[in-house]
Amino acid sequence: PRLRLVIHNRNGPSTKADCLNRLYEAMCA
């Protein structure tokens, strides 16, 4: 249960920073 899979709302690939921003949004939520 400690795993949190976060599906990006856009097709890849993009930059690593873009994916990290999506993960940060999930953490804030």
mmCIF file of all heavy atoms, coordinates in Angstrom:
data_MODEL
# 
_entry.id   MODEL 
# 
loop_
_atom_site.group_PDB 
_atom_site.id 
_atom_site.type_symbol 
_atom_site.label_atom_id 
_atom_site.label_alt_id 
_atom_site.label_comp_id 
_atom_site.label_asym_id 
_atom_site.label_entity_id 
_atom_site.label_seq_id 
_atom_site.pdbx_PDB_ins_code 
_atom_site.Cartn_x 
_atom_site.Cartn_y 
_atom_site.Cartn_z 
_atom_site.occupancy 
_atom_site.B_iso_or_equiv 
_atom_site.pdbx_formal_charge 
_atom_site.auth_seq_id 
_atom_site.auth_comp_id 
_atom_site.auth_asym_id 
_atom_site.auth_atom_id 
_atom_site.pdbx_PDB_model_num 
ATOM 1   N N   . PRO A 1 1  ? 0.802  -1.230 0.000   1.00 0.00 ? 1  PRO A N   1 
ATOM 2   C CA  . PRO A 1 1  ? 0.000  0.000  0.000   1.00 0.00 ? 1  PRO A CA  1 
ATOM 3   C C   . PRO A 1 1  ? 0.833  1.278  0.000   1.00 0.00 ? 1  PRO A C   1 
ATOM 4   O O   . PRO A 1 1  ? 0.274  2.372  -0.185  1.00 0.00 ? 1  PRO A O   1 
ATOM 5   C CB  . PRO A 1 1  ? -0.826 -0.121 1.290   1.00 0.00 ? 1  PRO A CB  1 
ATOM 6   C CG  . PRO A 1 1  ? -0.006 -0.989 2.185   1.00 0.00 ? 1  PRO A CG  1 
ATOM 7   C CD  . PRO A 1 1  ? 0.682  -1.969 1.278   1.00 0.00 ? 1  PRO A CD  1 
ATOM 8   N N   . ARG A 1 2  ? 2.128  1.162  0.191   1.00 0.00 ? 2  ARG A N   1 
ATOM 9   C CA  . ARG A 1 2  ? 2.972  2.359  0.195   1.00 0.00 ? 2  ARG A CA  1 
ATOM 10  C C   . ARG A 1 2  ? 3.265  2.867  -1.210  1.00 0.00 ? 2  ARG A C   1 
ATOM 11  O O   . ARG A 1 2  ? 3.792  3.969  -1.376  1.00 0.00 ? 2  ARG A O   1 
ATOM 12  C CB  . ARG A 1 2  ? 4.276  2.081  0.927   1.00 0.00 ? 2  ARG A CB  1 
ATOM 13  C CG  . ARG A 1 2  ? 4.110  1.765  2.411   1.00 0.00 ? 2  ARG A CG  1 
ATOM 14  C CD  . ARG A 1 2  ? 5.433  1.392  3.042   1.00 0.00 ? 2  ARG A CD  1 
ATOM 15  N NE  . ARG A 1 2  ? 5.977  0.181  2.434   1.00 0.00 ? 2  ARG A NE  1 
ATOM 16  C CZ  . ARG A 1 2  ? 7.247  -0.211 2.567   1.00 0.00 ? 2  ARG A CZ  1 
ATOM 17  N NH1 . ARG A 1 2  ? 8.092  0.520  3.272   1.00 0.00 ? 2  ARG A NH1 1 
ATOM 18  N NH2 . ARG A 1 2  ? 7.668  -1.325 1.990   1.00 0.00 ? 2  ARG A NH2 1 
ATOM 19  N N   . LEU A 1 3  ? 2.935  2.073  -2.222  1.00 0.00 ? 3  LEU A N   1 
ATOM 20  C CA  . LEU A 1 3  ? 3.166  2.486  -3.605  1.00 0.00 ? 3  LEU A CA  1 
ATOM 21  C C   . LEU A 1 3  ? 1.997  3.331  -4.092  1.00 0.00 ? 3  LEU A C   1 
ATOM 22  O O   . LEU A 1 3  ? 0.842  2.988  -3.890  1.00 0.00 ? 3  LEU A O   1 
ATOM 23  C CB  . LEU A 1 3  ? 3.311  1.271  -4.516  1.00 0.00 ? 3  LEU A CB  1 
ATOM 24  C CG  . LEU A 1 3  ? 3.418  1.575  -6.019  1.00 0.00 ? 3  LEU A CG  1 
ATOM 25  C CD1 . LEU A 1 3  ? 4.687  2.345  -6.329  1.00 0.00 ? 3  LEU A CD1 1 
ATOM 26  C CD2 . LEU A 1 3  ? 3.355  0.298  -6.844  1.00 0.00 ? 3  LEU A CD2 1 
ATOM 27  N N   . ARG A 1 4  ? 2.333  4.447  -4.741  1.00 0.00 ? 4  ARG A N   1 
ATOM 28  C CA  . ARG A 1 4  ? 1.324  5.335  -5.328  1.00 0.00 ? 4  ARG A CA  1 
ATOM 29  C C   . ARG A 1 4  ? 1.657  5.487  -6.802  1.00 0.00 ? 4  ARG A C   1 
ATOM 30  O O   . ARG A 1 4  ? 2.606  6.164  -7.173  1.00 0.00 ? 4  ARG A O   1 
ATOM 31  C CB  . ARG A 1 4  ? 1.372  6.698  -4.625  1.00 0.00 ? 4  ARG A CB  1 
ATOM 32  C CG  . ARG A 1 4  ? 0.471  7.751  -5.210  1.00 0.00 ? 4  ARG A CG  1 
ATOM 33  C CD  . ARG A 1 4  ? -0.913 7.678  -4.589  1.00 0.00 ? 4  ARG A CD  1 
ATOM 34  N NE  . ARG A 1 4  ? -1.526 8.998  -4.567  1.00 0.00 ? 4  ARG A NE  1 
ATOM 35  C CZ  . ARG A 1 4  ? -2.109 9.587  -5.612  1.00 0.00 ? 4  ARG A CZ  1 
ATOM 36  N NH1 . ARG A 1 4  ? -2.122 8.972  -6.782  1.00 0.00 ? 4  ARG A NH1 1 
ATOM 37  N NH2 . ARG A 1 4  ? -2.655 10.773 -5.493  1.00 0.00 ? 4  ARG A NH2 1 
ATOM 38  N N   . LEU A 1 5  ? 0.888  4.826  -7.671  1.00 0.00 ? 5  LEU A N   1 
ATOM 39  C CA  . LEU A 1 5  ? 1.085  4.947  -9.110  1.00 0.00 ? 5  LEU A CA  1 
ATOM 40  C C   . LEU A 1 5  ? 0.349  6.187  -9.607  1.00 0.00 ? 5  LEU A C   1 
ATOM 41  O O   . LEU A 1 5  ? -0.854 6.327  -9.399  1.00 0.00 ? 5  LEU A O   1 
ATOM 42  C CB  . LEU A 1 5  ? 0.565  3.700  -9.827  1.00 0.00 ? 5  LEU A CB  1 
ATOM 43  C CG  . LEU A 1 5  ? 1.306  2.395  -9.518  1.00 0.00 ? 5  LEU A CG  1 
ATOM 44  C CD1 . LEU A 1 5  ? 0.645  1.231  -10.230 1.00 0.00 ? 5  LEU A CD1 1 
ATOM 45  C CD2 . LEU A 1 5  ? 2.768  2.505  -9.907  1.00 0.00 ? 5  LEU A CD2 1 
ATOM 46  N N   . VAL A 1 6  ? 1.095  7.072  -10.246 1.00 0.00 ? 6  VAL A N   1 
ATOM 47  C CA  . VAL A 1 6  ? 0.533  8.343  -10.724 1.00 0.00 ? 6  VAL A CA  1 
ATOM 48  C C   . VAL A 1 6  ? 0.557  8.328  -12.251 1.00 0.00 ? 6  VAL A C   1 
ATOM 49  O O   . VAL A 1 6  ? 1.627  8.314  -12.861 1.00 0.00 ? 6  VAL A O   1 
ATOM 50  C CB  . VAL A 1 6  ? 1.338  9.542  -10.188 1.00 0.00 ? 6  VAL A CB  1 
ATOM 51  C CG1 . VAL A 1 6  ? 0.723  10.857 -10.681 1.00 0.00 ? 6  VAL A CG1 1 
ATOM 52  C CG2 . VAL A 1 6  ? 1.386  9.506  -8.663  1.00 0.00 ? 6  VAL A CG2 1 
ATOM 53  N N   . ILE A 1 7  ? -0.615 8.309  -12.864 1.00 0.00 ? 7  ILE A N   1 
ATOM 54  C CA  . ILE A 1 7  ? -0.715 8.290  -14.317 1.00 0.00 ? 7  ILE A CA  1 
ATOM 55  C C   . ILE A 1 7  ? -0.692 9.719  -14.836 1.00 0.00 ? 7  ILE A C   1 
ATOM 56  O O   . ILE A 1 7  ? -1.540 10.543 -14.467 1.00 0.00 ? 7  ILE A O   1 
ATOM 57  C CB  . ILE A 1 7  ? -2.006 7.583  -14.778 1.00 0.00 ? 7  ILE A CB  1 
ATOM 58  C CG1 . ILE A 1 7  ? -2.128 6.213  -14.099 1.00 0.00 ? 7  ILE A CG1 1 
ATOM 59  C CG2 . ILE A 1 7  ? -2.013 7.443  -16.291 1.00 0.00 ? 7  ILE A CG2 1 
ATOM 60  C CD1 . ILE A 1 7  ? -0.988 5.279  -14.383 1.00 0.00 ? 7  ILE A CD1 1 
ATOM 61  N N   . HIS A 1 8  ? 0.293  10.005 -15.678 1.00 0.00 ? 8  HIS A N   1 
ATOM 62  C CA  . HIS A 1 8  ? 0.408  11.347 -16.260 1.00 0.00 ? 8  HIS A CA  1 
ATOM 63  C C   . HIS A 1 8  ? -0.743 11.577 -17.235 1.00 0.00 ? 8  HIS A C   1 
ATOM 64  O O   . HIS A 1 8  ? -1.131 10.681 -17.985 1.00 0.00 ? 8  HIS A O   1 
ATOM 65  C CB  . HIS A 1 8  ? 1.750  11.487 -16.982 1.00 0.00 ? 8  HIS A CB  1 
ATOM 66  C CG  . HIS A 1 8  ? 2.235  12.900 -17.073 1.00 0.00 ? 8  HIS A CG  1 
ATOM 67  N ND1 . HIS A 1 8  ? 1.404  13.954 -17.350 1.00 0.00 ? 8  HIS A ND1 1 
ATOM 68  C CD2 . HIS A 1 8  ? 3.477  13.445 -16.923 1.00 0.00 ? 8  HIS A CD2 1 
ATOM 69  C CE1 . HIS A 1 8  ? 2.102  15.072 -17.367 1.00 0.00 ? 8  HIS A CE1 1 
ATOM 70  N NE2 . HIS A 1 8  ? 3.369  14.784 -17.102 1.00 0.00 ? 8  HIS A NE2 1 
ATOM 71  N N   . ASN A 1 9  ? -1.292 12.783 -17.219 1.00 0.00 ? 9  ASN A N   1 
ATOM 72  C CA  . ASN A 1 9  ? -2.451 13.097 -18.063 1.00 0.00 ? 9  ASN A CA  1 
ATOM 73  C C   . ASN A 1 9  ? -2.050 13.547 -19.462 1.00 0.00 ? 9  ASN A C   1 
ATOM 74  O O   . ASN A 1 9  ? -2.828 14.228 -20.135 1.00 0.00 ? 9  ASN A O   1 
ATOM 75  C CB  . ASN A 1 9  ? -3.306 14.175 -17.404 1.00 0.00 ? 9  ASN A CB  1 
ATOM 76  C CG  . ASN A 1 9  ? -2.517 15.446 -17.100 1.00 0.00 ? 9  ASN A CG  1 
ATOM 77  O OD1 . ASN A 1 9  ? -1.315 15.493 -17.336 1.00 0.00 ? 9  ASN A OD1 1 
ATOM 78  N ND2 . ASN A 1 9  ? -3.192 16.451 -16.583 1.00 0.00 ? 9  ASN A ND2 1 
ATOM 79  N N   . ARG A 1 10 ? -0.865 13.164 -19.884 1.00 0.00 ? 10 ARG A N   1 
ATOM 80  C CA  . ARG A 1 10 ? -0.444 13.440 -21.258 1.00 0.00 ? 10 ARG A CA  1 
ATOM 81  C C   . ARG A 1 10 ? 0.408  12.281 -21.757 1.00 0.00 ? 10 ARG A C   1 
ATOM 82  O O   . ARG A 1 10 ? 0.921  11.498 -20.973 1.00 0.00 ? 10 ARG A O   1 
ATOM 83  C CB  . ARG A 1 10 ? 0.351  14.742 -21.354 1.00 0.00 ? 10 ARG A CB  1 
ATOM 84  C CG  . ARG A 1 10 ? 1.715  14.694 -20.698 1.00 0.00 ? 10 ARG A CG  1 
ATOM 85  C CD  . ARG A 1 10 ? 2.499  15.968 -20.931 1.00 0.00 ? 10 ARG A CD  1 
ATOM 86  N NE  . ARG A 1 10 ? 1.825  17.114 -20.322 1.00 0.00 ? 10 ARG A NE  1 
ATOM 87  C CZ  . ARG A 1 10 ? 2.278  18.355 -20.426 1.00 0.00 ? 10 ARG A CZ  1 
ATOM 88  N NH1 . ARG A 1 10 ? 3.380  18.604 -21.120 1.00 0.00 ? 10 ARG A NH1 1 
ATOM 89  N NH2 . ARG A 1 10 ? 1.643  19.345 -19.837 1.00 0.00 ? 10 ARG A NH2 1 
ATOM 90  N N   . ASN A 1 11 ? 0.521  12.182 -23.061 1.00 0.00 ? 11 ASN A N   1 
ATOM 91  C CA  . ASN A 1 11 ? 1.329  11.116 -23.644 1.00 0.00 ? 11 ASN A CA  1 
ATOM 92  C C   . ASN A 1 11 ? 2.814  11.404 -23.465 1.00 0.00 ? 11 ASN A C   1 
ATOM 93  O O   . ASN A 1 11 ? 3.246  12.554 -23.497 1.00 0.00 ? 11 ASN A O   1 
ATOM 94  C CB  . ASN A 1 11 ? 1.019  10.947 -25.127 1.00 0.00 ? 11 ASN A CB  1 
ATOM 95  C CG  . ASN A 1 11 ? -0.375 10.381 -25.369 1.00 0.00 ? 11 ASN A CG  1 
ATOM 96  O OD1 . ASN A 1 11 ? -0.944 9.717  -24.508 1.00 0.00 ? 11 ASN A OD1 1 
ATOM 97  N ND2 . ASN A 1 11 ? -0.935 10.627 -26.539 1.00 0.00 ? 11 ASN A ND2 1 
ATOM 98  N N   . GLY A 1 12 ? 3.575  10.343 -23.296 1.00 0.00 ? 12 GLY A N   1 
ATOM 99  C CA  . GLY A 1 12 ? 5.014  10.482 -23.206 1.00 0.00 ? 12 GLY A CA  1 
ATOM 100 C C   . GLY A 1 12 ? 5.674  10.234 -24.549 1.00 0.00 ? 12 GLY A C   1 
ATOM 101 O O   . GLY A 1 12 ? 5.037  9.778  -25.482 1.00 0.00 ? 12 GLY A O   1 
ATOM 102 N N   . PRO A 1 13 ? 6.960  10.555 -24.637 1.00 0.00 ? 13 PRO A N   1 
ATOM 103 C CA  . PRO A 1 13 ? 7.760  11.053 -23.519 1.00 0.00 ? 13 PRO A CA  1 
ATOM 104 C C   . PRO A 1 13 ? 7.699  12.572 -23.406 1.00 0.00 ? 13 PRO A C   1 
ATOM 105 O O   . PRO A 1 13 ? 7.396  13.267 -24.367 1.00 0.00 ? 13 PRO A O   1 
ATOM 106 C CB  . PRO A 1 13 ? 9.173  10.608 -23.900 1.00 0.00 ? 13 PRO A CB  1 
ATOM 107 C CG  . PRO A 1 13 ? 9.159  10.668 -25.410 1.00 0.00 ? 13 PRO A CG  1 
ATOM 108 C CD  . PRO A 1 13 ? 7.777  10.255 -25.828 1.00 0.00 ? 13 PRO A CD  1 
ATOM 109 N N   . SER A 1 14 ? 7.999  13.056 -22.208 1.00 0.00 ? 14 SER A N   1 
ATOM 110 C CA  . SER A 1 14 ? 8.212  14.486 -21.983 1.00 0.00 ? 14 SER A CA  1 
ATOM 111 C C   . SER A 1 14 ? 9.496  14.601 -21.169 1.00 0.00 ? 14 SER A C   1 
ATOM 112 O O   . SER A 1 14 ? 10.233 13.637 -21.029 1.00 0.00 ? 14 SER A O   1 
ATOM 113 C CB  . SER A 1 14 ? 7.016  15.110 -21.261 1.00 0.00 ? 14 SER A CB  1 
ATOM 114 O OG  . SER A 1 14 ? 6.892  14.588 -19.945 1.00 0.00 ? 14 SER A OG  1 
ATOM 115 N N   . THR A 1 15 ? 9.758  15.766 -20.613 1.00 0.00 ? 15 THR A N   1 
ATOM 116 C CA  . THR A 1 15 ? 10.967 15.923 -19.809 1.00 0.00 ? 15 THR A CA  1 
ATOM 117 C C   . THR A 1 15 ? 10.786 15.269 -18.443 1.00 0.00 ? 15 THR A C   1 
ATOM 118 O O   . THR A 1 15 ? 9.657  15.078 -17.965 1.00 0.00 ? 15 THR A O   1 
ATOM 119 C CB  . THR A 1 15 ? 11.304 17.405 -19.623 1.00 0.00 ? 15 THR A CB  1 
ATOM 120 O OG1 . THR A 1 15 ? 10.241 18.038 -18.889 1.00 0.00 ? 15 THR A OG1 1 
ATOM 121 C CG2 . THR A 1 15 ? 11.471 18.090 -20.970 1.00 0.00 ? 15 THR A CG2 1 
ATOM 122 N N   . LYS A 1 16 ? 11.891 14.924 -17.815 1.00 0.00 ? 16 LYS A N   1 
ATOM 123 C CA  . LYS A 1 16 ? 11.831 14.369 -16.464 1.00 0.00 ? 16 LYS A CA  1 
ATOM 124 C C   . LYS A 1 16 ? 11.211 15.377 -15.499 1.00 0.00 ? 16 LYS A C   1 
ATOM 125 O O   . LYS A 1 16 ? 10.461 14.994 -14.582 1.00 0.00 ? 16 LYS A O   1 
ATOM 126 C CB  . LYS A 1 16 ? 13.225 13.963 -15.999 1.00 0.00 ? 16 LYS A CB  1 
ATOM 127 C CG  . LYS A 1 16 ? 13.253 13.344 -14.605 1.00 0.00 ? 16 LYS A CG  1 
ATOM 128 C CD  . LYS A 1 16 ? 14.645 12.898 -14.208 1.00 0.00 ? 16 LYS A CD  1 
ATOM 129 C CE  . LYS A 1 16 ? 15.085 11.690 -14.991 1.00 0.00 ? 16 LYS A CE  1 
ATOM 130 N NZ  . LYS A 1 16 ? 16.367 11.124 -14.463 1.00 0.00 ? 16 LYS A NZ  1 
ATOM 131 N N   . ALA A 1 17 ? 11.514 16.658 -15.707 1.00 0.00 ? 17 ALA A N   1 
ATOM 132 C CA  . ALA A 1 17 ? 10.941 17.693 -14.840 1.00 0.00 ? 17 ALA A CA  1 
ATOM 133 C C   . ALA A 1 17 ? 9.427  17.717 -14.947 1.00 0.00 ? 17 ALA A C   1 
ATOM 134 O O   . ALA A 1 17 ? 8.716  17.929 -13.946 1.00 0.00 ? 17 ALA A O   1 
ATOM 135 C CB  . ALA A 1 17 ? 11.533 19.054 -15.204 1.00 0.00 ? 17 ALA A CB  1 
ATOM 136 N N   . ASP A 1 18 ? 8.897  17.509 -16.143 1.00 0.00 ? 18 ASP A N   1 
ATOM 137 C CA  . ASP A 1 18 ? 7.448  17.488 -16.327 1.00 0.00 ? 18 ASP A CA  1 
ATOM 138 C C   . ASP A 1 18 ? 6.824  16.350 -15.545 1.00 0.00 ? 18 ASP A C   1 
ATOM 139 O O   . ASP A 1 18 ? 5.791  16.525 -14.870 1.00 0.00 ? 18 ASP A O   1 
ATOM 140 C CB  . ASP A 1 18 ? 7.125  17.365 -17.815 1.00 0.00 ? 18 ASP A CB  1 
ATOM 141 C CG  . ASP A 1 18 ? 5.637  17.213 -18.076 1.00 0.00 ? 18 ASP A CG  1 
ATOM 142 O OD1 . ASP A 1 18 ? 4.868  18.106 -17.660 1.00 0.00 ? 18 ASP A OD1 1 
ATOM 143 O OD2 . ASP A 1 18 ? 5.231  16.195 -18.674 1.00 0.00 ? 18 ASP A OD2 1 
ATOM 144 N N   . CYS A 1 19 ? 7.423  15.178 -15.595 1.00 0.00 ? 19 CYS A N   1 
ATOM 145 C CA  . CYS A 1 19 ? 6.913  14.033 -14.849 1.00 0.00 ? 19 CYS A CA  1 
ATOM 146 C C   . CYS A 1 19 ? 7.036  14.258 -13.339 1.00 0.00 ? 19 CYS A C   1 
ATOM 147 O O   . CYS A 1 19 ? 6.132  13.910 -12.571 1.00 0.00 ? 19 CYS A O   1 
ATOM 148 C CB  . CYS A 1 19 ? 7.652  12.768 -15.267 1.00 0.00 ? 19 CYS A CB  1 
ATOM 149 S SG  . CYS A 1 19 ? 6.902  11.229 -14.684 1.00 0.00 ? 19 CYS A SG  1 
ATOM 150 N N   . LEU A 1 20 ? 8.132  14.861 -12.907 1.00 0.00 ? 20 LEU A N   1 
ATOM 151 C CA  . LEU A 1 20 ? 8.310  15.163 -11.491 1.00 0.00 ? 20 LEU A CA  1 
ATOM 152 C C   . LEU A 1 20 ? 7.274  16.176 -11.004 1.00 0.00 ? 20 LEU A C   1 
ATOM 153 O O   . LEU A 1 20 ? 6.789  16.078 -9.870  1.00 0.00 ? 20 LEU A O   1 
ATOM 154 C CB  . LEU A 1 20 ? 9.724  15.690 -11.240 1.00 0.00 ? 20 LEU A CB  1 
ATOM 155 C CG  . LEU A 1 20 ? 10.863 14.667 -11.352 1.00 0.00 ? 20 LEU A CG  1 
ATOM 156 C CD1 . LEU A 1 20 ? 12.218 15.360 -11.266 1.00 0.00 ? 20 LEU A CD1 1 
ATOM 157 C CD2 . LEU A 1 20 ? 10.745 13.602 -10.264 1.00 0.00 ? 20 LEU A CD2 1 
ATOM 158 N N   . ASN A 1 21 ? 6.931  17.142 -11.843 1.00 0.00 ? 21 ASN A N   1 
ATOM 159 C CA  . ASN A 1 21 ? 5.893  18.104 -11.475 1.00 0.00 ? 21 ASN A CA  1 
ATOM 160 C C   . ASN A 1 21 ? 4.562  17.407 -11.244 1.00 0.00 ? 21 ASN A C   1 
ATOM 161 O O   . ASN A 1 21 ? 3.800  17.760 -10.333 1.00 0.00 ? 21 ASN A O   1 
ATOM 162 C CB  . ASN A 1 21 ? 5.751  19.162 -12.565 1.00 0.00 ? 21 ASN A CB  1 
ATOM 163 C CG  . ASN A 1 21 ? 6.880  20.165 -12.552 1.00 0.00 ? 21 ASN A CG  1 
ATOM 164 O OD1 . ASN A 1 21 ? 7.551  20.359 -11.537 1.00 0.00 ? 21 ASN A OD1 1 
ATOM 165 N ND2 . ASN A 1 21 ? 7.113  20.814 -13.683 1.00 0.00 ? 21 ASN A ND2 1 
ATOM 166 N N   . ARG A 1 22 ? 4.260  16.409 -12.090 1.00 0.00 ? 22 ARG A N   1 
ATOM 167 C CA  . ARG A 1 22 ? 3.015  15.648 -11.915 1.00 0.00 ? 22 ARG A CA  1 
ATOM 168 C C   . ARG A 1 22 ? 3.043  14.868 -10.602 1.00 0.00 ? 22 ARG A C   1 
ATOM 169 O O   . ARG A 1 22 ? 2.027  14.790 -9.892  1.00 0.00 ? 22 ARG A O   1 
ATOM 170 C CB  . ARG A 1 22 ? 2.820  14.700 -13.103 1.00 0.00 ? 22 ARG A CB  1 
ATOM 171 C CG  . ARG A 1 22 ? 1.571  13.841 -12.998 1.00 0.00 ? 22 ARG A CG  1 
ATOM 172 C CD  . ARG A 1 22 ? 0.303  14.678 -13.073 1.00 0.00 ? 22 ARG A CD  1 
ATOM 173 N NE  . ARG A 1 22 ? -0.883 13.868 -12.818 1.00 0.00 ? 22 ARG A NE  1 
ATOM 174 C CZ  . ARG A 1 22 ? -1.423 13.687 -11.620 1.00 0.00 ? 22 ARG A CZ  1 
ATOM 175 N NH1 . ARG A 1 22 ? -0.879 14.260 -10.549 1.00 0.00 ? 22 ARG A NH1 1 
ATOM 176 N NH2 . ARG A 1 22 ? -2.507 12.937 -11.474 1.00 0.00 ? 22 ARG A NH2 1 
ATOM 177 N N   . LEU A 1 23 ? 4.185  14.303 -10.251 1.00 0.00 ? 23 LEU A N   1 
ATOM 178 C CA  . LEU A 1 23 ? 4.309  13.590 -8.991  1.00 0.00 ? 23 LEU A CA  1 
ATOM 179 C C   . LEU A 1 23 ? 4.164  14.545 -7.804  1.00 0.00 ? 23 LEU A C   1 
ATOM 180 O O   . LEU A 1 23 ? 3.559  14.200 -6.782  1.00 0.00 ? 23 LEU A O   1 
ATOM 181 C CB  . LEU A 1 23 ? 5.662  12.875 -8.927  1.00 0.00 ? 23 LEU A CB  1 
ATOM 182 C CG  . LEU A 1 23 ? 5.858  11.732 -9.924  1.00 0.00 ? 23 LEU A CG  1 
ATOM 183 C CD1 . LEU A 1 23 ? 7.276  11.180 -9.820  1.00 0.00 ? 23 LEU A CD1 1 
ATOM 184 C CD2 . LEU A 1 23 ? 4.846  10.624 -9.689  1.00 0.00 ? 23 LEU A CD2 1 
ATOM 185 N N   . TYR A 1 24 ? 4.695  15.740 -7.942  1.00 0.00 ? 24 TYR A N   1 
ATOM 186 C CA  . TYR A 1 24 ? 4.583  16.732 -6.867  1.00 0.00 ? 24 TYR A CA  1 
ATOM 187 C C   . TYR A 1 24 ? 3.123  17.131 -6.655  1.00 0.00 ? 24 TYR A C   1 
ATOM 188 O O   . TYR A 1 24 ? 2.672  17.287 -5.512  1.00 0.00 ? 24 TYR A O   1 
ATOM 189 C CB  . TYR A 1 24 ? 5.437  17.957 -7.210  1.00 0.00 ? 24 TYR A CB  1 
ATOM 190 C CG  . TYR A 1 24 ? 5.413  19.025 -6.134  1.00 0.00 ? 24 TYR A CG  1 
ATOM 191 C CD1 . TYR A 1 24 ? 6.146  18.852 -4.959  1.00 0.00 ? 24 TYR A CD1 1 
ATOM 192 C CD2 . TYR A 1 24 ? 4.661  20.183 -6.287  1.00 0.00 ? 24 TYR A CD2 1 
ATOM 193 C CE1 . TYR A 1 24 ? 6.128  19.819 -3.970  1.00 0.00 ? 24 TYR A CE1 1 
ATOM 194 C CE2 . TYR A 1 24 ? 4.638  21.152 -5.301  1.00 0.00 ? 24 TYR A CE2 1 
ATOM 195 C CZ  . TYR A 1 24 ? 5.380  20.963 -4.146  1.00 0.00 ? 24 TYR A CZ  1 
ATOM 196 O OH  . TYR A 1 24 ? 5.353  21.917 -3.157  1.00 0.00 ? 24 TYR A OH  1 
ATOM 197 N N   . GLU A 1 25 ? 2.381  17.277 -7.743  1.00 0.00 ? 25 GLU A N   1 
ATOM 198 C CA  . GLU A 1 25 ? 0.958  17.589 -7.622  1.00 0.00 ? 25 GLU A CA  1 
ATOM 199 C C   . GLU A 1 25 ? 0.223  16.476 -6.879  1.00 0.00 ? 25 GLU A C   1 
ATOM 200 O O   . GLU A 1 25 ? -0.650 16.749 -6.033  1.00 0.00 ? 25 GLU A O   1 
ATOM 201 C CB  . GLU A 1 25 ? 0.352  17.783 -9.013  1.00 0.00 ? 25 GLU A CB  1 
ATOM 202 C CG  . GLU A 1 25 ? 0.852  19.022 -9.741  1.00 0.00 ? 25 GLU A CG  1 
ATOM 203 C CD  . GLU A 1 25 ? 0.340  19.084 -11.170 1.00 0.00 ? 25 GLU A CD  1 
ATOM 204 O OE1 . GLU A 1 25 ? -0.383 18.137 -11.574 1.00 0.00 ? 25 GLU A OE1 1 
ATOM 205 O OE2 . GLU A 1 25 ? 0.638  20.058 -11.870 1.00 0.00 ? 25 GLU A OE2 1 
ATOM 206 N N   . ALA A 1 26 ? 0.558  15.225 -7.195  1.00 0.00 ? 26 ALA A N   1 
ATOM 207 C CA  . ALA A 1 26 ? -0.081 14.101 -6.512  1.00 0.00 ? 26 ALA A CA  1 
ATOM 208 C C   . ALA A 1 26 ? 0.264  14.094 -5.028  1.00 0.00 ? 26 ALA A C   1 
ATOM 209 O O   . ALA A 1 26 ? -0.596 13.804 -4.178  1.00 0.00 ? 26 ALA A O   1 
ATOM 210 C CB  . ALA A 1 26 ? 0.345  12.797 -7.167  1.00 0.00 ? 26 ALA A CB  1 
ATOM 211 N N   . MET A 1 27 ? 1.500  14.411 -4.688  1.00 0.00 ? 27 MET A N   1 
ATOM 212 C CA  . MET A 1 27 ? 1.897  14.454 -3.284  1.00 0.00 ? 27 MET A CA  1 
ATOM 213 C C   . MET A 1 27 ? 1.146  15.552 -2.541  1.00 0.00 ? 27 MET A C   1 
ATOM 214 O O   . MET A 1 27 ? 0.662  15.345 -1.413  1.00 0.00 ? 27 MET A O   1 
ATOM 215 C CB  . MET A 1 27 ? 3.405  14.688 -3.169  1.00 0.00 ? 27 MET A CB  1 
ATOM 216 C CG  . MET A 1 27 ? 3.934  14.628 -1.752  1.00 0.00 ? 27 MET A CG  1 
ATOM 217 S SD  . MET A 1 27 ? 5.594  15.353 -1.551  1.00 0.00 ? 27 MET A SD  1 
ATOM 218 C CE  . MET A 1 27 ? 5.197  17.103 -1.760  1.00 0.00 ? 27 MET A CE  1 
ATOM 219 N N   . CYS A 1 28 ? 1.031  16.726 -3.161  1.00 0.00 ? 28 CYS A N   1 
ATOM 220 C CA  . CYS A 1 28 ? 0.307  17.832 -2.523  1.00 0.00 ? 28 CYS A CA  1 
ATOM 221 C C   . CYS A 1 28 ? -1.158 17.469 -2.304  1.00 0.00 ? 28 CYS A C   1 
ATOM 222 O O   . CYS A 1 28 ? -1.752 17.820 -1.267  1.00 0.00 ? 28 CYS A O   1 
ATOM 223 C CB  . CYS A 1 28 ? 0.416  19.093 -3.382  1.00 0.00 ? 28 CYS A CB  1 
ATOM 224 S SG  . CYS A 1 28 ? 2.077  19.815 -3.425  1.00 0.00 ? 28 CYS A SG  1 
ATOM 225 N N   . ALA A 1 29 ? -1.752 16.762 -3.270  1.00 0.00 ? 29 ALA A N   1 
ATOM 226 C CA  . ALA A 1 29 ? -3.142 16.334 -3.110  1.00 0.00 ? 29 ALA A CA  1 
ATOM 227 C C   . ALA A 1 29 ? -3.281 15.362 -1.935  1.00 0.00 ? 29 ALA A C   1 
ATOM 228 O O   . ALA A 1 29 ? -4.252 15.429 -1.171  1.00 0.00 ? 29 ALA A O   1 
ATOM 229 C CB  . ALA A 1 29 ? -3.635 15.692 -4.403  1.00 0.00 ? 29 ALA A CB  1 
# 
